[in-house]
Amino acid sequence: MNKTLAICFLIAIFASQPIISQTTEEQKLKEPSTKIGAFLAKKGKVVVKDFYRLGTVKGNFGSSMEFSALVIYEPGRESERLRGLKVEINGGGRYERNNSSFLDFDEVESYSKAVSYLTQTASSWKAGSKEYTEVIFSTKDDFSFGFYQKGTEQTCFSESGYVGKATCFFDVDDLKAIQQIVDKAKSLLTQK
């Protein structure tokens, strides 16, 4: 009888482990990682969202990246407004996925520096050959941006999302357009 009770106890403990892990994963998915995401997740209040379209970069296989500056606040509390960048990835191809990520204002400056670094690095590596190397910039809201070089071929990519992420592949030459869009965002958001 004691053996049966001990075995039942062990089964109950081990069977509950996946449930505990699953709950932790679900919580991670539900908890916003940016100030903008946390603000938008609050319910029971009026929110004003000002969007400013900045531009779109077309990717390979019918994919694209759409950029918008964003200013959000509660009426009467305009001095506490939040500013940032919304990047929407429209994945192309057979299994098209779409996802958006928010970058808080402090991340926009980092993103601009990352784009500049990627542009310079891609240019300096262009003449050489690499077995396979990636350079990646990631944000709090599961947005990543980078390029890889395999041999002498270079390809840029941008991804948004944690589960069911959307991906856009694009040419290194498009980094200049992205730099202009991100710098436009910085300038616009500084004034807001």
C-alpha atoms as a PDB file:
ATOM      1  CA  MET A   1       0.000   0.000   0.000  1.00  0.00           C
ATOM      2  CA  ASN A   2       2.831   2.392   0.829  1.00  0.00           C
ATOM      3  CA  LYS A   3       4.465   1.657  -2.529  1.00  0.00           C
ATOM      4  CA  THR A   4       1.240   2.435  -4.378  1.00  0.00           C
ATOM      5  CA  LEU A   5       0.811   5.688  -2.465  1.00  0.00           C
ATOM      6  CA  ALA A   6       4.431   6.705  -3.141  1.00  0.00           C
ATOM      7  CA  ILE A   7       4.095   5.927  -6.844  1.00  0.00           C
ATOM      8  CA  CYS A   8       0.854   7.929  -7.077  1.00  0.00           C
ATOM      9  CA  PHE A   9       2.541  10.827  -5.281  1.00  0.00           C
ATOM     10  CA  LEU A  10       5.511  10.790  -7.702  1.00  0.00           C
ATOM     11  CA  ILE A  11       3.226  10.606 -10.731  1.00  0.00           C
ATOM     12  CA  ALA A  12       1.248  13.599  -9.445  1.00  0.00           C
ATOM     13  CA  ILE A  13       4.437  15.638  -8.968  1.00  0.00           C
ATOM     14  CA  PHE A  14       5.901  14.827 -12.379  1.00  0.00           C
ATOM     15  CA  ALA A  15       2.577  15.225 -14.177  1.00  0.00           C
ATOM     16  CA  SER A  16       2.155  18.746 -12.789  1.00  0.00           C
ATOM     17  CA  GLN A  17       5.562  19.941 -14.086  1.00  0.00           C
ATOM     18  CA  PRO A  18       4.394  20.550 -17.695  1.00  0.00           C
ATOM     19  CA  ILE A  19       1.372  22.459 -16.403  1.00  0.00           C
ATOM     20  CA  ILE A  20       3.585  24.725 -14.284  1.00  0.00           C
ATOM     21  CA  SER A  21       5.971  25.284 -17.211  1.00  0.00           C
ATOM     22  CA  GLN A  22       3.068  25.940 -19.544  1.00  0.00           C
ATOM     23  CA  THR A  23       1.621  28.542 -17.177  1.00  0.00           C
ATOM     24  CA  THR A  24       4.985  30.326 -17.030  1.00  0.00           C
ATOM     25  CA  GLU A  25       5.175  30.383 -20.846  1.00  0.00           C
ATOM     26  CA  GLU A  26       1.602  31.698 -21.080  1.00  0.00           C
ATOM     27  CA  GLN A  27       2.416  34.450 -18.569  1.00  0.00           C
ATOM     28  CA  LYS A  28       5.490  35.447 -20.579  1.00  0.00           C
ATOM     29  CA  LEU A  29       3.341  35.718 -23.694  1.00  0.00           C
ATOM     30  CA  LYS A  30       0.765  37.881 -21.909  1.00  0.00           C
ATOM     31  CA  GLU A  31       3.136  40.260 -20.110  1.00  0.00           C
ATOM     32  CA  PRO A  32       4.058  43.287 -22.252  1.00  0.00           C
ATOM     33  CA  SER A  33       7.786  43.924 -22.361  1.00  0.00           C
ATOM     34  CA  THR A  34       7.690  47.572 -23.453  1.00  0.00           C
ATOM     35  CA  LYS A  35       6.238  50.664 -21.796  1.00  0.00           C
ATOM     36  CA  ILE A  36       3.965  51.123 -24.810  1.00  0.00           C
ATOM     37  CA  GLY A  37       2.769  47.520 -24.650  1.00  0.00           C
ATOM     38  CA  ALA A  38       2.100  47.771 -20.909  1.00  0.00           C
ATOM     39  CA  PHE A  39       0.197  51.036 -21.394  1.00  0.00           C
ATOM     40  CA  LEU A  40      -1.949  49.550 -24.171  1.00  0.00           C
ATOM     41  CA  ALA A  41      -2.649  46.418 -22.107  1.00  0.00           C
ATOM     42  CA  LYS A  42      -4.391  48.389 -19.355  1.00  0.00           C
ATOM     43  CA  LYS A  43      -8.169  48.233 -19.631  1.00  0.00           C
ATOM     44  CA  GLY A  44     -10.962  50.547 -18.530  1.00  0.00           C
ATOM     45  CA  LYS A  45      -9.563  53.875 -19.727  1.00  0.00           C
ATOM     46  CA  VAL A  46      -9.650  56.137 -22.748  1.00  0.00           C
ATOM     47  CA  VAL A  47      -6.449  56.102 -24.781  1.00  0.00           C
ATOM     48  CA  VAL A  48      -5.425  58.445 -27.588  1.00  0.00           C
ATOM     49  CA  LYS A  49      -3.082  56.892 -30.163  1.00  0.00           C
ATOM     50  CA  ASP A  50      -1.455  59.163 -32.741  1.00  0.00           C
ATOM     51  CA  PHE A  51       0.156  57.240 -35.615  1.00  0.00           C
ATOM     52  CA  TYR A  52       2.521  58.826 -38.136  1.00  0.00           C
ATOM     53  CA  ARG A  53       3.272  56.666 -41.178  1.00  0.00           C
ATOM     54  CA  LEU A  54       6.968  56.785 -41.926  1.00  0.00           C
ATOM     55  CA  GLY A  55       7.359  54.400 -44.835  1.00  0.00           C
ATOM     56  CA  THR A  56       7.437  50.857 -46.102  1.00  0.00           C
ATOM     57  CA  VAL A  57      10.366  48.739 -47.231  1.00  0.00           C
ATOM     58  CA  LYS A  58       9.544  45.941 -49.665  1.00  0.00           C
ATOM     59  CA  GLY A  59      11.271  42.654 -48.988  1.00  0.00           C
ATOM     60  CA  ASN A  60      11.804  39.455 -50.911  1.00  0.00           C
ATOM     61  CA  PHE A  61       9.028  36.912 -51.602  1.00  0.00           C
ATOM     62  CA  GLY A  62       6.280  39.538 -51.244  1.00  0.00           C
ATOM     63  CA  SER A  63       7.219  40.493 -47.674  1.00  0.00           C
ATOM     64  CA  SER A  64       7.447  44.029 -46.309  1.00  0.00           C
ATOM     65  CA  MET A  65       8.175  46.150 -43.235  1.00  0.00           C
ATOM     66  CA  GLU A  66       5.908  49.068 -42.376  1.00  0.00           C
ATOM     67  CA  PHE A  67       7.126  51.748 -39.976  1.00  0.00           C
ATOM     68  CA  SER A  68       4.961  54.151 -37.948  1.00  0.00           C
ATOM     69  CA  ALA A  69       5.861  56.588 -35.205  1.00  0.00           C
ATOM     70  CA  LEU A  70       3.453  56.348 -32.282  1.00  0.00           C
ATOM     71  CA  VAL A  71       2.458  58.724 -29.491  1.00  0.00           C
ATOM     72  CA  ILE A  72      -0.028  57.475 -26.885  1.00  0.00           C
ATOM     73  CA  TYR A  73      -1.578  59.101 -23.827  1.00  0.00           C
ATOM     74  CA  GLU A  74      -4.681  59.392 -21.695  1.00  0.00           C
ATOM     75  CA  PRO A  75      -6.741  62.561 -22.211  1.00  0.00           C
ATOM     76  CA  GLY A  76      -5.847  65.109 -19.529  1.00  0.00           C
ATOM     77  CA  ARG A  77      -2.495  63.396 -18.940  1.00  0.00           C
ATOM     78  CA  GLU A  78      -0.699  64.482 -22.110  1.00  0.00           C
ATOM     79  CA  SER A  79       2.491  65.263 -20.181  1.00  0.00           C
ATOM     80  CA  GLU A  80       2.814  61.518 -19.444  1.00  0.00           C
ATOM     81  CA  ARG A  81       2.624  60.516 -23.104  1.00  0.00           C
ATOM     82  CA  LEU A  82       4.672  57.627 -24.417  1.00  0.00           C
ATOM     83  CA  ARG A  83       6.488  57.748 -27.732  1.00  0.00           C
ATOM     84  CA  GLY A  84       7.873  54.982 -29.845  1.00  0.00           C
ATOM     85  CA  LEU A  85       8.059  53.116 -33.110  1.00  0.00           C
ATOM     86  CA  LYS A  86       5.732  50.434 -34.432  1.00  0.00           C
ATOM     87  CA  VAL A  87       7.269  48.002 -36.911  1.00  0.00           C
ATOM     88  CA  GLU A  88       4.853  45.718 -38.711  1.00  0.00           C
ATOM     89  CA  ILE A  89       6.327  42.755 -40.548  1.00  0.00           C
ATOM     90  CA  ASN A  90       4.204  41.302 -43.328  1.00  0.00           C
ATOM     91  CA  GLY A  91       5.810  37.981 -44.154  1.00  0.00           C
ATOM     92  CA  GLY A  92       5.456  36.885 -47.735  1.00  0.00           C
ATOM     93  CA  GLY A  93       5.576  33.498 -49.303  1.00  0.00           C
ATOM     94  CA  ARG A  94       3.270  30.532 -49.031  1.00  0.00           C
ATOM     95  CA  TYR A  95       2.604  30.795 -45.278  1.00  0.00           C
ATOM     96  CA  GLU A  96       2.219  34.520 -44.919  1.00  0.00           C
ATOM     97  CA  ARG A  97       2.342  35.779 -41.327  1.00  0.00           C
ATOM     98  CA  ASN A  98       1.967  39.286 -39.983  1.00  0.00           C
ATOM     99  CA  ASN A  99       3.180  40.594 -36.651  1.00  0.00           C
ATOM    100  CA  SER A 100       3.940  43.948 -35.035  1.00  0.00           C
ATOM    101  CA  SER A 101       6.500  45.037 -32.472  1.00  0.00           C
ATOM    102  CA  PHE A 102       6.752  48.242 -30.472  1.00  0.00           C
ATOM    103  CA  LEU A 103      10.031  49.981 -29.699  1.00  0.00           C
ATOM    104  CA  ASP A 104       9.978  52.449 -26.817  1.00  0.00           C
ATOM    105  CA  PHE A 105      11.536  55.832 -27.567  1.00  0.00           C
ATOM    106  CA  ASP A 106      14.840  54.887 -25.900  1.00  0.00           C
ATOM    107  CA  GLU A 107      15.124  51.844 -28.198  1.00  0.00           C
ATOM    108  CA  VAL A 108      14.665  53.938 -31.355  1.00  0.00           C
ATOM    109  CA  GLU A 109      18.108  55.524 -30.851  1.00  0.00           C
ATOM    110  CA  SER A 110      19.654  52.076 -30.339  1.00  0.00           C
ATOM    111  CA  TYR A 111      17.897  50.813 -33.460  1.00  0.00           C
ATOM    112  CA  SER A 112      19.295  53.729 -35.473  1.00  0.00           C
ATOM    113  CA  LYS A 113      22.817  52.956 -34.271  1.00  0.00           C
ATOM    114  CA  ALA A 114      22.315  49.268 -35.083  1.00  0.00           C
ATOM    115  CA  VAL A 115      21.203  50.034 -38.647  1.00  0.00           C
ATOM    116  CA  SER A 116      24.253  52.261 -39.093  1.00  0.00           C
ATOM    117  CA  TYR A 117      26.555  49.540 -37.744  1.00  0.00           C
ATOM    118  CA  LEU A 118      24.993  46.880 -39.969  1.00  0.00           C
ATOM    119  CA  THR A 119      25.361  49.108 -43.025  1.00  0.00           C
ATOM    120  CA  GLN A 120      29.050  49.760 -42.310  1.00  0.00           C
ATOM    121  CA  THR A 121      29.775  46.124 -41.449  1.00  0.00           C
ATOM    122  CA  ALA A 122      28.034  44.755 -44.540  1.00  0.00           C
ATOM    123  CA  SER A 123      29.982  47.203 -46.694  1.00  0.00           C
ATOM    124  CA  SER A 124      33.342  46.253 -45.163  1.00  0.00           C
ATOM    125  CA  TRP A 125      32.645  42.505 -45.404  1.00  0.00           C
ATOM    126  CA  LYS A 126      31.346  42.636 -48.975  1.00  0.00           C
ATOM    127  CA  ALA A 127      34.745  42.017 -50.575  1.00  0.00           C
ATOM    128  CA  GLY A 128      35.526  39.037 -48.323  1.00  0.00           C
ATOM    129  CA  SER A 129      34.089  35.594 -47.842  1.00  0.00           C
ATOM    130  CA  LYS A 130      32.674  34.124 -44.635  1.00  0.00           C
ATOM    131  CA  GLU A 131      31.567  30.575 -43.962  1.00  0.00           C
ATOM    132  CA  TYR A 132      28.434  31.854 -42.174  1.00  0.00           C
ATOM    133  CA  THR A 133      28.193  34.909 -39.918  1.00  0.00           C
ATOM    134  CA  GLU A 134      25.171  36.774 -38.508  1.00  0.00           C
ATOM    135  CA  VAL A 135      24.936  40.235 -36.990  1.00  0.00           C
ATOM    136  CA  ILE A 136      21.681  40.794 -35.038  1.00  0.00           C
ATOM    137  CA  PHE A 137      19.980  43.597 -33.099  1.00  0.00           C
ATOM    138  CA  SER A 138      17.074  42.592 -30.797  1.00  0.00           C
ATOM    139  CA  THR A 139      14.544  44.613 -28.800  1.00  0.00           C
ATOM    140  CA  LYS A 140      12.370  44.012 -25.745  1.00  0.00           C
ATOM    141  CA  ASP A 141       9.249  43.297 -27.827  1.00  0.00           C
ATOM    142  CA  ASP A 142      10.644  40.324 -29.774  1.00  0.00           C
ATOM    143  CA  PHE A 143      11.786  42.385 -32.761  1.00  0.00           C
ATOM    144  CA  SER A 144      15.070  41.392 -34.335  1.00  0.00           C
ATOM    145  CA  PHE A 145      16.922  42.886 -37.246  1.00  0.00           C
ATOM    146  CA  GLY A 146      20.170  41.884 -38.873  1.00  0.00           C
ATOM    147  CA  PHE A 147      22.021  40.352 -41.754  1.00  0.00           C
ATOM    148  CA  TYR A 148      23.963  37.225 -42.481  1.00  0.00           C
ATOM    149  CA  GLN A 149      26.795  36.503 -44.847  1.00  0.00           C
ATOM    150  CA  LYS A 150      27.371  33.070 -46.345  1.00  0.00           C
ATOM    151  CA  GLY A 151      30.333  32.992 -48.683  1.00  0.00           C
ATOM    152  CA  THR A 152      30.080  36.369 -50.389  1.00  0.00           C
ATOM    153  CA  GLU A 153      26.267  36.477 -50.347  1.00  0.00           C
ATOM    154  CA  GLN A 154      24.677  38.911 -47.881  1.00  0.00           C
ATOM    155  CA  THR A 155      20.990  38.913 -46.896  1.00  0.00           C
ATOM    156  CA  CYS A 156      19.210  41.143 -44.383  1.00  0.00           C
ATOM    157  CA  PHE A 157      16.255  40.046 -42.274  1.00  0.00           C
ATOM    158  CA  SER A 158      13.768  41.415 -39.798  1.00  0.00           C
ATOM    159  CA  GLU A 159      11.514  39.354 -37.513  1.00  0.00           C
ATOM    160  CA  SER A 160       8.635  40.221 -35.224  1.00  0.00           C
ATOM    161  CA  GLY A 161       6.949  38.000 -32.679  1.00  0.00           C
ATOM    162  CA  TYR A 162       7.653  35.210 -30.246  1.00  0.00           C
ATOM    163  CA  VAL A 163       5.187  32.554 -31.343  1.00  0.00           C
ATOM    164  CA  GLY A 164       4.213  32.595 -35.014  1.00  0.00           C
ATOM    165  CA  LYS A 165       6.808  35.225 -35.821  1.00  0.00           C
ATOM    166  CA  ALA A 166       6.739  37.023 -39.148  1.00  0.00           C
ATOM    167  CA  THR A 167       9.940  37.386 -41.170  1.00  0.00           C
ATOM    168  CA  CYS A 168      10.980  39.752 -43.940  1.00  0.00           C
ATOM    169  CA  PHE A 169      14.143  39.122 -45.963  1.00  0.00           C
ATOM    170  CA  PHE A 170      15.536  42.059 -47.901  1.00  0.00           C
ATOM    171  CA  ASP A 171      18.632  43.312 -49.709  1.00  0.00           C
ATOM    172  CA  VAL A 172      21.563  45.069 -48.040  1.00  0.00           C
ATOM    173  CA  ASP A 173      20.909  48.081 -50.278  1.00  0.00           C
ATOM    174  CA  ASP A 174      17.610  48.601 -48.412  1.00  0.00           C
ATOM    175  CA  LEU A 175      19.492  49.434 -45.193  1.00  0.00           C
ATOM    176  CA  LYS A 176      19.876  53.037 -46.406  1.00  0.00           C
ATOM    177  CA  ALA A 177      16.096  53.443 -46.722  1.00  0.00           C
ATOM    178  CA  ILE A 178      15.589  51.908 -43.267  1.00  0.00           C
ATOM    179  CA  GLN A 179      18.191  54.278 -41.796  1.00  0.00           C
ATOM    180  CA  GLN A 180      16.309  57.252 -43.268  1.00  0.00           C
ATOM    181  CA  ILE A 181      12.988  55.997 -41.868  1.00  0.00           C
ATOM    182  CA  VAL A 182      14.387  55.391 -38.372  1.00  0.00           C
ATOM    183  CA  ASP A 183      16.127  58.787 -38.323  1.00  0.00           C
ATOM    184  CA  LYS A 184      12.865  60.403 -39.449  1.00  0.00           C
ATOM    185  CA  ALA A 185      11.145  58.638 -36.534  1.00  0.00           C
ATOM    186  CA  LYS A 186      13.730  59.947 -34.052  1.00  0.00           C
ATOM    187  CA  SER A 187      13.312  63.493 -35.321  1.00  0.00           C
ATOM    188  CA  LEU A 188       9.520  63.364 -35.334  1.00  0.00           C
ATOM    189  CA  LEU A 189       9.229  61.756 -31.885  1.00  0.00           C
ATOM    190  CA  THR A 190      11.663  64.237 -30.345  1.00  0.00           C
ATOM    191  CA  GLN A 191       9.250  67.012 -31.341  1.00  0.00           C
ATOM    192  CA  LYS A 192       6.157  65.276 -29.923  1.00  0.00           C
END
